[in-house]
Amino acid sequence: MALAQKTDGHLSGGDIEFLMYDTNNGVVTVTVSQEAIEDYAAPRGLSGDTLSVFNSALADIIEAADRVYDRAGTNPRRLLVSTRDLNGS
């Protein structure tokens, strides 16, 4: 399933949330855990605030969200991209 970004990310309790469209133009809320973003940044030498790291990682985050969406089953409306989803561990 190819998700398409609808909104920019924003902080929500330390995590990042943003909206995406699925292929039926349904809206999916994607939450990326703060831990996943920190674990993504560390080995890549990325620094800065959570939103700037999120923006640097956006292509990989969208790819991870697609995989989570596909695993979730029938038309999920909320997804969590965890450390495991984004970083493989």
PDB file of N, CA and C in Angstrom:
ATOM      1  N   MET A   1       0.861  -1.169   0.000  1.00  0.00           N
ATOM      2  CA  MET A   1       0.000   0.000   0.000  1.00  0.00           C
ATOM      3  C   MET A   1       0.900   1.223   0.000  1.00  0.00           C
ATOM      4  N   ALA A   2       0.617   2.133  -0.856  1.00  0.00           N
ATOM      5  CA  ALA A   2       1.403   3.367  -0.906  1.00  0.00           C
ATOM      6  C   ALA A   2       0.640   4.487  -0.206  1.00  0.00           C
ATOM      7  N   LEU A   3       1.167   4.900   0.936  1.00  0.00           N
ATOM      8  CA  LEU A   3       0.589   6.023   1.657  1.00  0.00           C
ATOM      9  C   LEU A   3       1.183   7.315   1.118  1.00  0.00           C
ATOM     10  N   ALA A   4       0.416   8.381   1.155  1.00  0.00           N
ATOM     11  CA  ALA A   4       0.883   9.696   0.707  1.00  0.00           C
ATOM     12  C   ALA A   4       0.725  10.689   1.850  1.00  0.00           C
ATOM     13  N   GLN A   5       1.754  11.464   2.080  1.00  0.00           N
ATOM     14  CA  GLN A   5       1.738  12.419   3.181  1.00  0.00           C
ATOM     15  C   GLN A   5       0.705  13.514   2.951  1.00  0.00           C
ATOM     16  N   LYS A   6      -0.083  13.789   4.000  1.00  0.00           N
ATOM     17  CA  LYS A   6      -1.093  14.853   3.940  1.00  0.00           C
ATOM     18  C   LYS A   6      -0.632  16.093   4.697  1.00  0.00           C
ATOM     19  N   THR A   7      -0.070  15.909   5.910  1.00  0.00           N
ATOM     20  CA  THR A   7       0.339  17.048   6.731  1.00  0.00           C
ATOM     21  C   THR A   7       1.785  16.879   7.184  1.00  0.00           C
ATOM     22  N   ASP A   8       2.367  17.984   7.614  1.00  0.00           N
ATOM     23  CA  ASP A   8       3.691  17.941   8.215  1.00  0.00           C
ATOM     24  C   ASP A   8       3.579  17.348   9.612  1.00  0.00           C
ATOM     25  N   GLY A   9       4.704  16.895  10.125  1.00  0.00           N
ATOM     26  CA  GLY A   9       4.722  16.347  11.463  1.00  0.00           C
ATOM     27  C   GLY A   9       4.628  17.426  12.520  1.00  0.00           C
ATOM     28  N   HIS A  10       4.053  17.068  13.656  1.00  0.00           N
ATOM     29  CA  HIS A  10       4.002  17.970  14.804  1.00  0.00           C
ATOM     30  C   HIS A  10       4.210  17.152  16.080  1.00  0.00           C
ATOM     31  N   LEU A  11       4.767  17.803  17.081  1.00  0.00           N
ATOM     32  CA  LEU A  11       5.007  17.128  18.351  1.00  0.00           C
ATOM     33  C   LEU A  11       3.695  16.840  19.059  1.00  0.00           C
ATOM     34  N   SER A  12       3.633  15.651  19.638  1.00  0.00           N
ATOM     35  CA  SER A  12       2.465  15.255  20.415  1.00  0.00           C
ATOM     36  C   SER A  12       2.953  14.428  21.593  1.00  0.00           C
ATOM     37  N   GLY A  13       3.182  15.090  22.706  1.00  0.00           N
ATOM     38  CA  GLY A  13       3.647  14.387  23.896  1.00  0.00           C
ATOM     39  C   GLY A  13       5.018  13.762  23.742  1.00  0.00           C
ATOM     40  N   GLY A  14       5.883  14.356  22.963  1.00  0.00           N
ATOM     41  CA  GLY A  14       7.218  13.830  22.749  1.00  0.00           C
ATOM     42  C   GLY A  14       7.338  13.011  21.474  1.00  0.00           C
ATOM     43  N   ASP A  15       6.236  12.433  21.021  1.00  0.00           N
ATOM     44  CA  ASP A  15       6.213  11.699  19.754  1.00  0.00           C
ATOM     45  C   ASP A  15       5.904  12.688  18.630  1.00  0.00           C
ATOM     46  N   ILE A  16       5.995  12.210  17.404  1.00  0.00           N
ATOM     47  CA  ILE A  16       5.629  13.025  16.243  1.00  0.00           C
ATOM     48  C   ILE A  16       4.401  12.402  15.597  1.00  0.00           C
ATOM     49  N   GLU A  17       3.422  13.230  15.280  1.00  0.00           N
ATOM     50  CA  GLU A  17       2.241  12.768  14.555  1.00  0.00           C
ATOM     51  C   GLU A  17       2.110  13.526  13.246  1.00  0.00           C
ATOM     52  N   PHE A  18       1.621  12.821  12.245  1.00  0.00           N
ATOM     53  CA  PHE A  18       1.279  13.448  10.976  1.00  0.00           C
ATOM     54  C   PHE A  18       0.207  12.611  10.304  1.00  0.00           C
ATOM     55  N   LEU A  19      -0.451  13.184   9.322  1.00  0.00           N
ATOM     56  CA  LEU A  19      -1.529  12.503   8.615  1.00  0.00           C
ATOM     57  C   LEU A  19      -1.065  12.076   7.237  1.00  0.00           C
ATOM     58  N   MET A  20      -1.604  10.932   6.803  1.00  0.00           N
ATOM     59  CA  MET A  20      -1.332  10.425   5.468  1.00  0.00           C
ATOM     60  C   MET A  20      -2.646   9.968   4.843  1.00  0.00           C
ATOM     61  N   TYR A  21      -2.661   9.914   3.518  1.00  0.00           N
ATOM     62  CA  TYR A  21      -3.792   9.343   2.780  1.00  0.00           C
ATOM     63  C   TYR A  21      -3.445   7.927   2.381  1.00  0.00           C
ATOM     64  N   ASP A  22      -4.448   7.032   2.455  1.00  0.00           N
ATOM     65  CA  ASP A  22      -4.262   5.716   1.859  1.00  0.00           C
ATOM     66  C   ASP A  22      -4.763   5.781   0.414  1.00  0.00           C
ATOM     67  N   THR A  23      -4.758   4.669  -0.277  1.00  0.00           N
ATOM     68  CA  THR A  23      -5.132   4.696  -1.698  1.00  0.00           C
ATOM     69  C   THR A  23      -6.604   5.010  -1.931  1.00  0.00           C
ATOM     70  N   ASN A  24      -7.430   4.907  -0.895  1.00  0.00           N
ATOM     71  CA  ASN A  24      -8.854   5.245  -1.008  1.00  0.00           C
ATOM     72  C   ASN A  24      -9.128   6.665  -0.528  1.00  0.00           C
ATOM     73  N   ASN A  25      -8.062   7.460  -0.362  1.00  0.00           N
ATOM     74  CA  ASN A  25      -8.137   8.811   0.171  1.00  0.00           C
ATOM     75  C   ASN A  25      -8.676   8.861   1.597  1.00  0.00           C
ATOM     76  N   GLY A  26      -8.592   7.736   2.300  1.00  0.00           N
ATOM     77  CA  GLY A  26      -8.891   7.730   3.728  1.00  0.00           C
ATOM     78  C   GLY A  26      -7.704   8.335   4.468  1.00  0.00           C
ATOM     79  N   VAL A  27      -7.965   8.930   5.605  1.00  0.00           N
ATOM     80  CA  VAL A  27      -6.904   9.570   6.375  1.00  0.00           C
ATOM     81  C   VAL A  27      -6.412   8.610   7.464  1.00  0.00           C
ATOM     82  N   VAL A  28      -5.090   8.500   7.537  1.00  0.00           N
ATOM     83  CA  VAL A  28      -4.434   7.646   8.519  1.00  0.00           C
ATOM     84  C   VAL A  28      -3.550   8.538   9.389  1.00  0.00           C
ATOM     85  N   THR A  29      -3.710   8.436  10.711  1.00  0.00           N
ATOM     86  CA  THR A  29      -2.852   9.162  11.641  1.00  0.00           C
ATOM     87  C   THR A  29      -1.642   8.290  11.935  1.00  0.00           C
ATOM     88  N   VAL A  30      -0.461   8.826  11.677  1.00  0.00           N
ATOM     89  CA  VAL A  30       0.782   8.098  11.916  1.00  0.00           C
ATOM     90  C   VAL A  30       1.501   8.756  13.093  1.00  0.00           C
ATOM     91  N   THR A  31       1.852   7.942  14.078  1.00  0.00           N
ATOM     92  CA  THR A  31       2.630   8.397  15.232  1.00  0.00           C
ATOM     93  C   THR A  31       3.989   7.720  15.168  1.00  0.00           C
ATOM     94  N   VAL A  32       5.033   8.512  15.275  1.00  0.00           N
ATOM     95  CA  VAL A  32       6.391   7.989  15.315  1.00  0.00           C
ATOM     96  C   VAL A  32       6.903   8.220  16.731  1.00  0.00           C
ATOM     97  N   SER A  33       7.302   7.151  17.393  1.00  0.00           N
ATOM     98  CA  SER A  33       7.721   7.298  18.782  1.00  0.00           C
ATOM     99  C   SER A  33       9.018   8.097  18.877  1.00  0.00           C
ATOM    100  N   GLN A  34       9.140   8.820  19.965  1.00  0.00           N
ATOM    101  CA  GLN A  34      10.354   9.599  20.193  1.00  0.00           C
ATOM    102  C   GLN A  34      11.566   8.672  20.248  1.00  0.00           C
ATOM    103  N   GLU A  35      11.391   7.512  20.838  1.00  0.00           N
ATOM    104  CA  GLU A  35      12.479   6.537  20.913  1.00  0.00           C
ATOM    105  C   GLU A  35      12.940   6.118  19.517  1.00  0.00           C
ATOM    106  N   ALA A  36      12.002   5.894  18.603  1.00  0.00           N
ATOM    107  CA  ALA A  36      12.358   5.503  17.244  1.00  0.00           C
ATOM    108  C   ALA A  36      13.168   6.600  16.555  1.00  0.00           C
ATOM    109  N   ILE A  37      12.767   7.839  16.762  1.00  0.00           N
ATOM    110  CA  ILE A  37      13.476   8.960  16.151  1.00  0.00           C
ATOM    111  C   ILE A  37      14.877   9.092  16.741  1.00  0.00           C
ATOM    112  N   GLU A  38      14.991   8.965  18.058  1.00  0.00           N
ATOM    113  CA  GLU A  38      16.312   9.045  18.693  1.00  0.00           C
ATOM    114  C   GLU A  38      17.214   7.909  18.238  1.00  0.00           C
ATOM    115  N   ASP A  39      16.655   6.688  18.153  1.00  0.00           N
ATOM    116  CA  ASP A  39      17.446   5.541  17.704  1.00  0.00           C
ATOM    117  C   ASP A  39      17.835   5.652  16.234  1.00  0.00           C
ATOM    118  N   TYR A  40      17.032   6.324  15.451  1.00  0.00           N
ATOM    119  CA  TYR A  40      17.359   6.575  14.049  1.00  0.00           C
ATOM    120  C   TYR A  40      18.509   7.575  13.956  1.00  0.00           C
ATOM    121  N   ALA A  41      18.462   8.612  14.771  1.00  0.00           N
ATOM    122  CA  ALA A  41      19.435   9.702  14.692  1.00  0.00           C
ATOM    123  C   ALA A  41      20.829   9.286  15.134  1.00  0.00           C
ATOM    124  N   ALA A  42      20.915   8.535  16.204  1.00  0.00           N
ATOM    125  CA  ALA A  42      22.211   8.240  16.830  1.00  0.00           C
ATOM    126  C   ALA A  42      23.239   7.631  15.879  1.00  0.00           C
ATOM    127  N   PRO A  43      22.946   6.522  15.203  1.00  0.00           N
ATOM    128  CA  PRO A  43      23.973   5.923  14.349  1.00  0.00           C
ATOM    129  C   PRO A  43      24.254   6.722  13.074  1.00  0.00           C
ATOM    130  N   ARG A  44      23.386   7.637  12.743  1.00  0.00           N
ATOM    131  CA  ARG A  44      23.565   8.438  11.526  1.00  0.00           C
ATOM    132  C   ARG A  44      24.209   9.788  11.813  1.00  0.00           C
ATOM    133  N   GLY A  45      24.487  10.044  13.075  1.00  0.00           N
ATOM    134  CA  GLY A  45      25.121  11.298  13.459  1.00  0.00           C
ATOM    135  C   GLY A  45      24.223  12.502  13.302  1.00  0.00           C
ATOM    136  N   LEU A  46      22.912  12.284  13.297  1.00  0.00           N
ATOM    137  CA  LEU A  46      21.973  13.401  13.178  1.00  0.00           C
ATOM    138  C   LEU A  46      21.761  14.030  14.544  1.00  0.00           C
ATOM    139  N   SER A  47      21.680  15.324  14.566  1.00  0.00           N
ATOM    140  CA  SER A  47      21.422  16.013  15.822  1.00  0.00           C
ATOM    141  C   SER A  47      20.410  17.119  15.569  1.00  0.00           C
ATOM    142  N   GLY A  48      19.943  17.687  16.637  1.00  0.00           N
ATOM    143  CA  GLY A  48      18.953  18.750  16.538  1.00  0.00           C
ATOM    144  C   GLY A  48      17.700  18.342  17.267  1.00  0.00           C
ATOM    145  N   ASP A  49      16.681  19.173  17.131  1.00  0.00           N
ATOM    146  CA  ASP A  49      15.439  18.863  17.824  1.00  0.00           C
ATOM    147  C   ASP A  49      14.711  17.711  17.125  1.00  0.00           C
ATOM    148  N   THR A  50      13.717  17.188  17.792  1.00  0.00           N
ATOM    149  CA  THR A  50      12.996  16.017  17.302  1.00  0.00           C
ATOM    150  C   THR A  50      12.388  16.250  15.926  1.00  0.00           C
ATOM    151  N   LEU A  51      11.827  17.434  15.699  1.00  0.00           N
ATOM    152  CA  LEU A  51      11.209  17.711  14.392  1.00  0.00           C
ATOM    153  C   LEU A  51      12.236  17.759  13.266  1.00  0.00           C
ATOM    154  N   SER A  52      13.418  18.314  13.520  1.00  0.00           N
ATOM    155  CA  SER A  52      14.420  18.365  12.450  1.00  0.00           C
ATOM    156  C   SER A  52      14.924  16.968  12.119  1.00  0.00           C
ATOM    157  N   VAL A  53      15.088  16.111  13.130  1.00  0.00           N
ATOM    158  CA  VAL A  53      15.488  14.727  12.864  1.00  0.00           C
ATOM    159  C   VAL A  53      14.369  14.010  12.119  1.00  0.00           C
ATOM    160  N   PHE A  54      13.129  14.241  12.529  1.00  0.00           N
ATOM    161  CA  PHE A  54      11.973  13.663  11.829  1.00  0.00           C
ATOM    162  C   PHE A  54      12.002  14.035  10.350  1.00  0.00           C
ATOM    163  N   ASN A  55      12.215  15.315  10.059  1.00  0.00           N
ATOM    164  CA  ASN A  55      12.233  15.761   8.665  1.00  0.00           C
ATOM    165  C   ASN A  55      13.372  15.117   7.885  1.00  0.00           C
ATOM    166  N   SER A  56      14.513  14.909   8.529  1.00  0.00           N
ATOM    167  CA  SER A  56      15.643  14.239   7.865  1.00  0.00           C
ATOM    168  C   SER A  56      15.333  12.769   7.584  1.00  0.00           C
ATOM    169  N   ALA A  57      14.519  12.174   8.436  1.00  0.00           N
ATOM    170  CA  ALA A  57      14.209  10.746   8.333  1.00  0.00           C
ATOM    171  C   ALA A  57      12.910  10.476   7.589  1.00  0.00           C
ATOM    172  N   LEU A  58      12.267  11.495   7.075  1.00  0.00           N
ATOM    173  CA  LEU A  58      10.899  11.361   6.572  1.00  0.00           C
ATOM    174  C   LEU A  58      10.726  10.262   5.526  1.00  0.00           C
ATOM    175  N   ALA A  59      11.619  10.146   4.579  1.00  0.00           N
ATOM    176  CA  ALA A  59      11.469   9.112   3.546  1.00  0.00           C
ATOM    177  C   ALA A  59      11.476   7.719   4.177  1.00  0.00           C
ATOM    178  N   ASP A  60      12.380   7.491   5.119  1.00  0.00           N
ATOM    179  CA  ASP A  60      12.446   6.194   5.793  1.00  0.00           C
ATOM    180  C   ASP A  60      11.224   5.979   6.684  1.00  0.00           C
ATOM    181  N   ILE A  61      10.724   7.035   7.302  1.00  0.00           N
ATOM    182  CA  ILE A  61       9.531   6.933   8.142  1.00  0.00           C
ATOM    183  C   ILE A  61       8.316   6.564   7.302  1.00  0.00           C
ATOM    184  N   ILE A  62       8.156   7.183   6.152  1.00  0.00           N
ATOM    185  CA  ILE A  62       7.030   6.861   5.267  1.00  0.00           C
ATOM    186  C   ILE A  62       7.120   5.418   4.787  1.00  0.00           C
ATOM    187  N   GLU A  63       8.309   4.973   4.458  1.00  0.00           N
ATOM    188  CA  GLU A  63       8.504   3.578   4.047  1.00  0.00           C
ATOM    189  C   GLU A  63       8.128   2.628   5.182  1.00  0.00           C
ATOM    190  N   ALA A  64       8.549   2.953   6.414  1.00  0.00           N
ATOM    191  CA  ALA A  64       8.195   2.132   7.574  1.00  0.00           C
ATOM    192  C   ALA A  64       6.687   2.158   7.813  1.00  0.00           C
ATOM    193  N   ALA A  65       6.055   3.321   7.674  1.00  0.00           N
ATOM    194  CA  ALA A  65       4.604   3.434   7.854  1.00  0.00           C
ATOM    195  C   ALA A  65       3.859   2.582   6.837  1.00  0.00           C
ATOM    196  N   ASP A  66       4.351   2.533   5.608  1.00  0.00           N
ATOM    197  CA  ASP A  66       3.751   1.662   4.580  1.00  0.00           C
ATOM    198  C   ASP A  66       3.784   0.198   5.023  1.00  0.00           C
ATOM    199  N   ARG A  67       4.913  -0.233   5.562  1.00  0.00           N
ATOM    200  CA  ARG A  67       5.028  -1.627   6.019  1.00  0.00           C
ATOM    201  C   ARG A  67       4.083  -1.901   7.189  1.00  0.00           C
ATOM    202  N   VAL A  68       4.008  -0.965   8.128  1.00  0.00           N
ATOM    203  CA  VAL A  68       3.102  -1.123   9.273  1.00  0.00           C
ATOM    204  C   VAL A  68       1.657  -1.181   8.782  1.00  0.00           C
ATOM    205  N   TYR A  69       1.309  -0.321   7.856  1.00  0.00           N
ATOM    206  CA  TYR A  69      -0.045  -0.288   7.291  1.00  0.00           C
ATOM    207  C   TYR A  69      -0.390  -1.631   6.654  1.00  0.00           C
ATOM    208  N   ASP A  70       0.547  -2.146   5.862  1.00  0.00           N
ATOM    209  CA  ASP A  70       0.306  -3.425   5.181  1.00  0.00           C
ATOM    210  C   ASP A  70       0.113  -4.569   6.172  1.00  0.00           C
ATOM    211  N   ARG A  71       0.854  -4.561   7.260  1.00  0.00           N
ATOM    212  CA  ARG A  71       0.736  -5.611   8.282  1.00  0.00           C
ATOM    213  C   ARG A  71      -0.535  -5.478   9.114  1.00  0.00           C
ATOM    214  N   ALA A  72      -1.078  -4.273   9.208  1.00  0.00           N
ATOM    215  CA  ALA A  72      -2.179  -3.994  10.127  1.00  0.00           C
ATOM    216  C   ALA A  72      -3.512  -4.595   9.699  1.00  0.00           C
ATOM    217  N   GLY A  73      -3.665  -4.901   8.444  1.00  0.00           N
ATOM    218  CA  GLY A  73      -4.931  -5.477   8.013  1.00  0.00           C
ATOM    219  C   GLY A  73      -5.835  -4.463   7.346  1.00  0.00           C
ATOM    220  N   THR A  74      -7.117  -4.566   7.612  1.00  0.00           N
ATOM    221  CA  THR A  74      -8.137  -3.816   6.891  1.00  0.00           C
ATOM    222  C   THR A  74      -8.210  -2.359   7.316  1.00  0.00           C
ATOM    223  N   ASN A  75      -7.764  -1.476   6.463  1.00  0.00           N
ATOM    224  CA  ASN A  75      -7.931  -0.031   6.599  1.00  0.00           C
ATOM    225  C   ASN A  75      -7.722   0.542   8.006  1.00  0.00           C
ATOM    226  N   PRO A  76      -6.556   0.384   8.578  1.00  0.00           N
ATOM    227  CA  PRO A  76      -6.323   1.004   9.889  1.00  0.00           C
ATOM    228  C   PRO A  76      -6.354   2.525   9.777  1.00  0.00           C
ATOM    229  N   ARG A  77      -6.800   3.182  10.792  1.00  0.00           N
ATOM    230  CA  ARG A  77      -6.856   4.654  10.804  1.00  0.00           C
ATOM    231  C   ARG A  77      -5.758   5.254  11.663  1.00  0.00           C
ATOM    232  N   ARG A  78      -5.087   4.433  12.486  1.00  0.00           N
ATOM    233  CA  ARG A  78      -3.978   4.902  13.328  1.00  0.00           C
ATOM    234  C   ARG A  78      -2.848   3.900  13.225  1.00  0.00           C
ATOM    235  N   LEU A  79      -1.641   4.424  13.075  1.00  0.00           N
ATOM    236  CA  LEU A  79      -0.445   3.577  13.013  1.00  0.00           C
ATOM    237  C   LEU A  79       0.589   4.111  13.991  1.00  0.00           C
ATOM    238  N   LEU A  80       1.349   3.203  14.577  1.00  0.00           N
ATOM    239  CA  LEU A  80       2.498   3.578  15.384  1.00  0.00           C
ATOM    240  C   LEU A  80       3.741   3.033  14.704  1.00  0.00           C
ATOM    241  N   VAL A  81       4.673   3.922  14.373  1.00  0.00           N
ATOM    242  CA  VAL A  81       5.972   3.520  13.838  1.00  0.00           C
ATOM    243  C   VAL A  81       6.925   3.488  15.028  1.00  0.00           C
ATOM    244  N   SER A  82       7.318   2.287  15.402  1.00  0.00           N
ATOM    245  CA  SER A  82       8.160   2.085  16.578  1.00  0.00           C
ATOM    246  C   SER A  82       9.633   1.984  16.163  1.00  0.00           C
ATOM    247  N   THR A  83      10.485   1.852  17.161  1.00  0.00           N
ATOM    248  CA  THR A  83      11.916   1.667  16.901  1.00  0.00           C
ATOM    249  C   THR A  83      12.140   0.474  15.999  1.00  0.00           C
ATOM    250  N   ARG A  84      11.471  -0.616  16.293  1.00  0.00           N
ATOM    251  CA  ARG A  84      11.634  -1.833  15.493  1.00  0.00           C
ATOM    252  C   ARG A  84      11.230  -1.598  14.027  1.00  0.00           C
ATOM    253  N   ASP A  85      10.134  -0.890  13.822  1.00  0.00           N
ATOM    254  CA  ASP A  85       9.657  -0.625  12.462  1.00  0.00           C
ATOM    255  C   ASP A  85      10.629   0.261  11.688  1.00  0.00           C
ATOM    256  N   LEU A  86      11.152   1.279  12.334  1.00  0.00           N
ATOM    257  CA  LEU A  86      12.007   2.251  11.657  1.00  0.00           C
ATOM    258  C   LEU A  86      13.461   1.808  11.583  1.00  0.00           C
ATOM    259  N   ASN A  87      13.923   1.128  12.624  1.00  0.00           N
ATOM    260  CA  ASN A  87      15.345   0.828  12.735  1.00  0.00           C
ATOM    261  C   ASN A  87      15.676  -0.651  12.668  1.00  0.00           C
ATOM    262  N   GLY A  88      14.661  -1.489  12.604  1.00  0.00           N
ATOM    263  CA  GLY A  88      14.900  -2.912  12.480  1.00  0.00           C
ATOM    264  C   GLY A  88      15.426  -3.579  13.741  1.00  0.00           C
ATOM    265  N   SER A  89      15.313  -2.925  14.877  1.00  0.00           N
ATOM    266  CA  SER A  89      15.771  -3.578  16.121  1.00  0.00           C
ATOM    267  C   SER A  89      14.838  -3.265  17.267  1.00  0.00           C
TER     268      SER A  89
END
